[in-house]
Amino acid sequence: MPWKSKGVKAEAADAVGARLARQATVEVAGVLGKRDMSRADLARLMGVSPGRVSQILSGDENLTLRSLAAVAEALELDVRISFVEPKAVPQDVTTMRHGGSDAYVYTH
């Protein structure tokens, strides 16, 4: 039996999932930078190994909400998820293409 394609909708969902995972890990890296914290510091706060933190922050599309919640809890932050209209990019945002995905740079 030949290998079956996931289908266009599943592939699109995978791409969106990967983009969301990258966005989340960039956000966490930004928080760590602002707090002058390392991944080892975050691991200590979470009670996990530095390797586990690296796994979480790898940008893998399999990043779970549970993992994000654990990071947020360790950093004493809340996580907010919003659903917005497709292609709705604020006017103060520049869209850049990188590796086949969009990246947004806020230009306040």
N, C-alpha and C. Protein backbone atom coordinates (compact mmCIF):
# COMPACT_ATOMS: atom_id res chain seq x y z
N MET A 1 0.85 -1.18 0.00
CA MET A 1 0.00 0.00 0.00
C MET A 1 0.89 1.24 0.00
N PRO A 2 0.70 2.14 -0.96
CA PRO A 2 1.54 3.33 -1.06
C PRO A 2 1.27 4.30 0.10
N TRP A 3 2.30 5.11 0.41
CA TRP A 3 2.19 6.12 1.46
C TRP A 3 1.15 7.15 1.03
N LYS A 4 0.26 7.51 1.93
CA LYS A 4 -0.79 8.47 1.60
C LYS A 4 -0.40 9.86 2.07
N SER A 5 -0.74 10.85 1.28
CA SER A 5 -0.52 12.24 1.63
C SER A 5 -1.51 12.62 2.73
N LYS A 6 -1.11 13.55 3.59
CA LYS A 6 -1.99 14.01 4.66
C LYS A 6 -3.19 14.77 4.10
N GLY A 7 -3.01 15.38 2.98
CA GLY A 7 -4.06 16.23 2.43
C GLY A 7 -3.72 17.69 2.64
N VAL A 8 -4.29 18.52 1.82
CA VAL A 8 -3.97 19.94 1.83
C VAL A 8 -4.30 20.60 3.16
N LYS A 9 -5.48 20.31 3.72
CA LYS A 9 -5.88 20.96 4.98
C LYS A 9 -4.98 20.52 6.13
N ALA A 10 -4.62 19.25 6.19
CA ALA A 10 -3.75 18.77 7.27
C ALA A 10 -2.36 19.38 7.13
N GLU A 11 -1.87 19.49 5.91
CA GLU A 11 -0.55 20.10 5.69
C GLU A 11 -0.57 21.58 6.06
N ALA A 12 -1.67 22.26 5.76
CA ALA A 12 -1.80 23.68 6.13
C ALA A 12 -1.84 23.82 7.65
N ALA A 13 -2.56 22.93 8.31
CA ALA A 13 -2.62 22.96 9.78
C ALA A 13 -1.25 22.69 10.38
N ASP A 14 -0.49 21.78 9.78
CA ASP A 14 0.88 21.51 10.25
C ASP A 14 1.75 22.76 10.13
N ALA A 15 1.61 23.47 9.02
CA ALA A 15 2.41 24.68 8.80
C ALA A 15 2.04 25.75 9.82
N VAL A 16 0.76 25.91 10.08
CA VAL A 16 0.32 26.89 11.08
C VAL A 16 0.81 26.49 12.46
N GLY A 17 0.72 25.21 12.78
CA GLY A 17 1.20 24.72 14.07
C GLY A 17 2.68 24.98 14.25
N ALA A 18 3.45 24.76 13.20
CA ALA A 18 4.90 25.01 13.27
C ALA A 18 5.17 26.50 13.49
N ARG A 19 4.41 27.36 12.80
CA ARG A 19 4.59 28.80 12.96
C ARG A 19 4.23 29.25 14.38
N LEU A 20 3.15 28.70 14.92
CA LEU A 20 2.75 29.05 16.29
C LEU A 20 3.79 28.59 17.30
N ALA A 21 4.36 27.41 17.08
CA ALA A 21 5.40 26.91 17.99
C ALA A 21 6.62 27.81 17.95
N ARG A 22 7.02 28.24 16.74
CA ARG A 22 8.16 29.15 16.62
C ARG A 22 7.86 30.48 17.31
N GLN A 23 6.65 30.98 17.13
CA GLN A 23 6.27 32.24 17.75
C GLN A 23 6.34 32.12 19.27
N ALA A 24 5.84 31.02 19.82
CA ALA A 24 5.86 30.82 21.27
C ALA A 24 7.28 30.75 21.79
N THR A 25 8.15 30.04 21.08
CA THR A 25 9.52 29.90 21.57
C THR A 25 10.28 31.22 21.45
N VAL A 26 9.98 32.01 20.44
CA VAL A 26 10.60 33.34 20.33
C VAL A 26 10.14 34.21 21.48
N GLU A 27 8.86 34.12 21.84
CA GLU A 27 8.34 34.89 22.98
C GLU A 27 9.05 34.50 24.27
N VAL A 28 9.22 33.20 24.50
CA VAL A 28 9.89 32.74 25.71
C VAL A 28 11.34 33.21 25.72
N ALA A 29 12.01 33.10 24.58
CA ALA A 29 13.40 33.56 24.50
C ALA A 29 13.49 35.05 24.81
N GLY A 30 12.51 35.82 24.35
CA GLY A 30 12.48 37.25 24.64
C GLY A 30 12.33 37.53 26.13
N VAL A 31 11.46 36.77 26.78
CA VAL A 31 11.28 36.94 28.22
C VAL A 31 12.57 36.59 28.95
N LEU A 32 13.19 35.48 28.56
CA LEU A 32 14.45 35.09 29.20
C LEU A 32 15.50 36.18 29.01
N GLY A 33 15.58 36.74 27.81
CA GLY A 33 16.54 37.80 27.53
C GLY A 33 16.29 39.04 28.38
N LYS A 34 15.03 39.44 28.47
CA LYS A 34 14.68 40.62 29.27
C LYS A 34 14.99 40.42 30.75
N ARG A 35 14.88 39.19 31.19
CA ARG A 35 15.16 38.89 32.60
C ARG A 35 16.61 38.46 32.84
N ASP A 36 17.41 38.51 31.77
CA ASP A 36 18.81 38.08 31.85
C ASP A 36 18.91 36.67 32.43
N MET A 37 18.04 35.78 31.92
CA MET A 37 18.00 34.39 32.36
C MET A 37 18.48 33.47 31.26
N SER A 38 19.08 32.36 31.65
CA SER A 38 19.50 31.34 30.70
C SER A 38 18.46 30.21 30.67
N ARG A 39 18.64 29.31 29.72
CA ARG A 39 17.78 28.12 29.68
C ARG A 39 17.99 27.28 30.93
N ALA A 40 19.22 27.27 31.44
CA ALA A 40 19.50 26.52 32.67
C ALA A 40 18.74 27.12 33.84
N ASP A 41 18.63 28.46 33.88
CA ASP A 41 17.84 29.11 34.93
C ASP A 41 16.37 28.68 34.83
N LEU A 42 15.85 28.67 33.61
CA LEU A 42 14.46 28.26 33.41
C LEU A 42 14.28 26.80 33.83
N ALA A 43 15.22 25.95 33.47
CA ALA A 43 15.14 24.54 33.85
C ALA A 43 15.07 24.38 35.37
N ARG A 44 15.89 25.15 36.07
CA ARG A 44 15.89 25.10 37.54
C ARG A 44 14.53 25.51 38.09
N LEU A 45 13.95 26.58 37.54
CA LEU A 45 12.64 27.04 37.99
C LEU A 45 11.54 26.02 37.69
N MET A 46 11.69 25.32 36.58
CA MET A 46 10.68 24.34 36.17
C MET A 46 10.88 22.99 36.86
N GLY A 47 12.07 22.76 37.41
CA GLY A 47 12.35 21.47 38.01
C GLY A 47 12.58 20.38 36.99
N VAL A 48 13.14 20.77 35.83
CA VAL A 48 13.45 19.81 34.77
C VAL A 48 14.91 19.98 34.35
N SER A 49 15.37 19.11 33.49
CA SER A 49 16.75 19.20 33.02
C SER A 49 16.89 20.31 31.98
N PRO A 50 18.09 20.87 31.84
CA PRO A 50 18.31 21.85 30.77
C PRO A 50 18.01 21.27 29.39
N GLY A 51 18.24 19.98 29.23
CA GLY A 51 17.92 19.33 27.96
C GLY A 51 16.44 19.37 27.66
N ARG A 52 15.62 19.22 28.69
CA ARG A 52 14.16 19.28 28.49
C ARG A 52 13.74 20.68 28.07
N VAL A 53 14.35 21.70 28.67
CA VAL A 53 14.04 23.07 28.28
C VAL A 53 14.45 23.30 26.83
N SER A 54 15.60 22.80 26.44
CA SER A 54 16.03 22.93 25.04
C SER A 54 15.05 22.25 24.11
N GLN A 55 14.53 21.11 24.53
CA GLN A 55 13.52 20.40 23.74
C GLN A 55 12.27 21.26 23.58
N ILE A 56 11.82 21.85 24.67
CA ILE A 56 10.62 22.69 24.65
C ILE A 56 10.83 23.91 23.75
N LEU A 57 12.01 24.51 23.83
CA LEU A 57 12.29 25.74 23.09
C LEU A 57 12.88 25.52 21.71
N SER A 58 12.84 24.29 21.23
CA SER A 58 13.42 23.97 19.92
C SER A 58 12.59 24.51 18.77
N GLY A 59 11.35 24.92 19.05
CA GLY A 59 10.47 25.40 17.98
C GLY A 59 9.74 24.27 17.28
N ASP A 60 9.79 23.08 17.85
CA ASP A 60 9.11 21.91 17.27
C ASP A 60 7.61 22.15 17.24
N GLU A 61 6.98 21.78 16.13
CA GLU A 61 5.54 21.99 16.01
C GLU A 61 4.75 21.12 16.98
N ASN A 62 5.40 20.16 17.65
CA ASN A 62 4.72 19.33 18.64
C ASN A 62 4.74 19.95 20.04
N LEU A 63 5.14 21.18 20.14
CA LEU A 63 5.11 21.90 21.41
C LEU A 63 3.68 21.84 21.95
N THR A 64 3.51 21.44 23.20
CA THR A 64 2.17 21.28 23.75
C THR A 64 1.76 22.48 24.60
N LEU A 65 0.47 22.63 24.76
CA LEU A 65 -0.03 23.67 25.65
C LEU A 65 0.41 23.39 27.08
N ARG A 66 0.51 22.13 27.44
CA ARG A 66 0.97 21.76 28.77
C ARG A 66 2.40 22.24 29.00
N SER A 67 3.26 22.08 27.98
CA SER A 67 4.64 22.55 28.10
C SER A 67 4.69 24.07 28.22
N LEU A 68 3.89 24.76 27.40
CA LEU A 68 3.83 26.22 27.50
C LEU A 68 3.32 26.66 28.86
N ALA A 69 2.34 25.95 29.38
CA ALA A 69 1.80 26.29 30.70
C ALA A 69 2.87 26.10 31.77
N ALA A 70 3.69 25.05 31.65
CA ALA A 70 4.75 24.81 32.62
C ALA A 70 5.79 25.93 32.58
N VAL A 71 6.12 26.38 31.38
CA VAL A 71 7.07 27.50 31.23
C VAL A 71 6.47 28.75 31.85
N ALA A 72 5.21 29.04 31.52
CA ALA A 72 4.55 30.23 32.05
C ALA A 72 4.47 30.19 33.57
N GLU A 73 4.15 29.04 34.11
CA GLU A 73 4.06 28.90 35.56
C GLU A 73 5.41 29.17 36.21
N ALA A 74 6.47 28.61 35.64
CA ALA A 74 7.81 28.81 36.19
C ALA A 74 8.22 30.28 36.14
N LEU A 75 7.80 30.98 35.09
CA LEU A 75 8.16 32.39 34.92
C LEU A 75 7.14 33.33 35.56
N GLU A 76 6.11 32.74 36.18
CA GLU A 76 5.03 33.50 36.81
C GLU A 76 4.36 34.44 35.80
N LEU A 77 4.01 33.86 34.66
CA LEU A 77 3.34 34.59 33.59
C LEU A 77 2.06 33.87 33.19
N ASP A 78 1.18 34.58 32.52
CA ASP A 78 -0.02 33.99 31.92
C ASP A 78 0.22 33.79 30.44
N VAL A 79 -0.46 32.82 29.85
CA VAL A 79 -0.43 32.60 28.41
C VAL A 79 -1.80 32.99 27.89
N ARG A 80 -1.83 33.76 26.81
CA ARG A 80 -3.09 34.16 26.19
C ARG A 80 -3.10 33.66 24.76
N ILE A 81 -4.23 33.12 24.36
CA ILE A 81 -4.40 32.63 23.00
C ILE A 81 -5.56 33.40 22.38
N SER A 82 -5.34 33.95 21.20
CA SER A 82 -6.37 34.72 20.51
C SER A 82 -6.59 34.15 19.13
N PHE A 83 -7.82 34.15 18.72
CA PHE A 83 -8.15 33.78 17.35
C PHE A 83 -8.48 35.07 16.61
N VAL A 84 -7.85 35.27 15.46
CA VAL A 84 -8.04 36.49 14.68
C VAL A 84 -8.37 36.13 13.24
N GLU A 85 -8.91 37.09 12.54
CA GLU A 85 -9.23 36.88 11.14
C GLU A 85 -7.95 36.56 10.36
N PRO A 86 -8.03 35.66 9.40
CA PRO A 86 -6.84 35.32 8.59
C PRO A 86 -6.30 36.54 7.86
N LYS A 87 -5.00 36.56 7.75
CA LYS A 87 -4.30 37.60 6.99
C LYS A 87 -4.46 38.99 7.60
N ALA A 88 -5.01 39.08 8.80
CA ALA A 88 -5.19 40.37 9.45
C ALA A 88 -3.89 40.72 10.17
N VAL A 89 -3.07 41.51 9.50
CA VAL A 89 -1.80 41.94 10.08
C VAL A 89 -1.92 43.43 10.36
N PRO A 90 -1.68 43.86 11.61
CA PRO A 90 -1.78 45.29 11.93
C PRO A 90 -0.87 46.13 11.03
N GLN A 91 -1.22 47.38 10.84
CA GLN A 91 -0.45 48.26 9.96
C GLN A 91 0.95 48.54 10.49
N ASP A 92 1.16 48.38 11.80
CA ASP A 92 2.49 48.66 12.35
C ASP A 92 3.36 47.40 12.37
N VAL A 93 3.06 46.45 11.48
CA VAL A 93 3.80 45.20 11.42
C VAL A 93 4.37 45.03 10.02
N THR A 94 5.62 44.64 9.95
CA THR A 94 6.26 44.31 8.69
C THR A 94 6.30 42.80 8.57
N THR A 95 5.86 42.26 7.45
CA THR A 95 5.89 40.82 7.22
C THR A 95 7.15 40.47 6.45
N MET A 96 7.87 39.46 6.95
CA MET A 96 9.08 39.00 6.28
C MET A 96 8.93 37.51 6.03
N ARG A 97 9.46 37.03 4.92
CA ARG A 97 9.44 35.60 4.61
C ARG A 97 10.78 35.02 5.02
N HIS A 98 10.73 33.90 5.74
CA HIS A 98 11.96 33.22 6.14
C HIS A 98 11.70 31.72 6.11
N GLY A 99 12.43 31.02 5.31
CA GLY A 99 12.31 29.57 5.27
C GLY A 99 10.91 29.07 4.95
N GLY A 100 10.17 29.82 4.13
CA GLY A 100 8.85 29.39 3.73
C GLY A 100 7.74 29.74 4.71
N SER A 101 8.06 30.51 5.74
CA SER A 101 7.01 30.92 6.67
C SER A 101 7.10 32.41 6.92
N ASP A 102 6.02 32.98 7.42
CA ASP A 102 5.98 34.40 7.69
C ASP A 102 6.53 34.71 9.08
N ALA A 103 7.22 35.81 9.19
CA ALA A 103 7.64 36.33 10.49
C ALA A 103 7.15 37.76 10.55
N TYR A 104 6.68 38.17 11.70
CA TYR A 104 6.13 39.51 11.85
C TYR A 104 7.03 40.32 12.76
N VAL A 105 7.37 41.51 12.33
CA VAL A 105 8.22 42.42 13.11
C VAL A 105 7.39 43.65 13.40
N TYR A 106 7.16 43.91 14.70
CA TYR A 106 6.40 45.07 15.10
C TYR A 106 7.28 46.31 15.03
N THR A 107 6.76 47.38 14.43
CA THR A 107 7.55 48.57 14.17
C THR A 107 6.99 49.76 14.94
N HIS A 108 6.65 49.56 16.19
CA HIS A 108 6.09 50.66 17.01
C HIS A 108 7.05 51.81 17.07
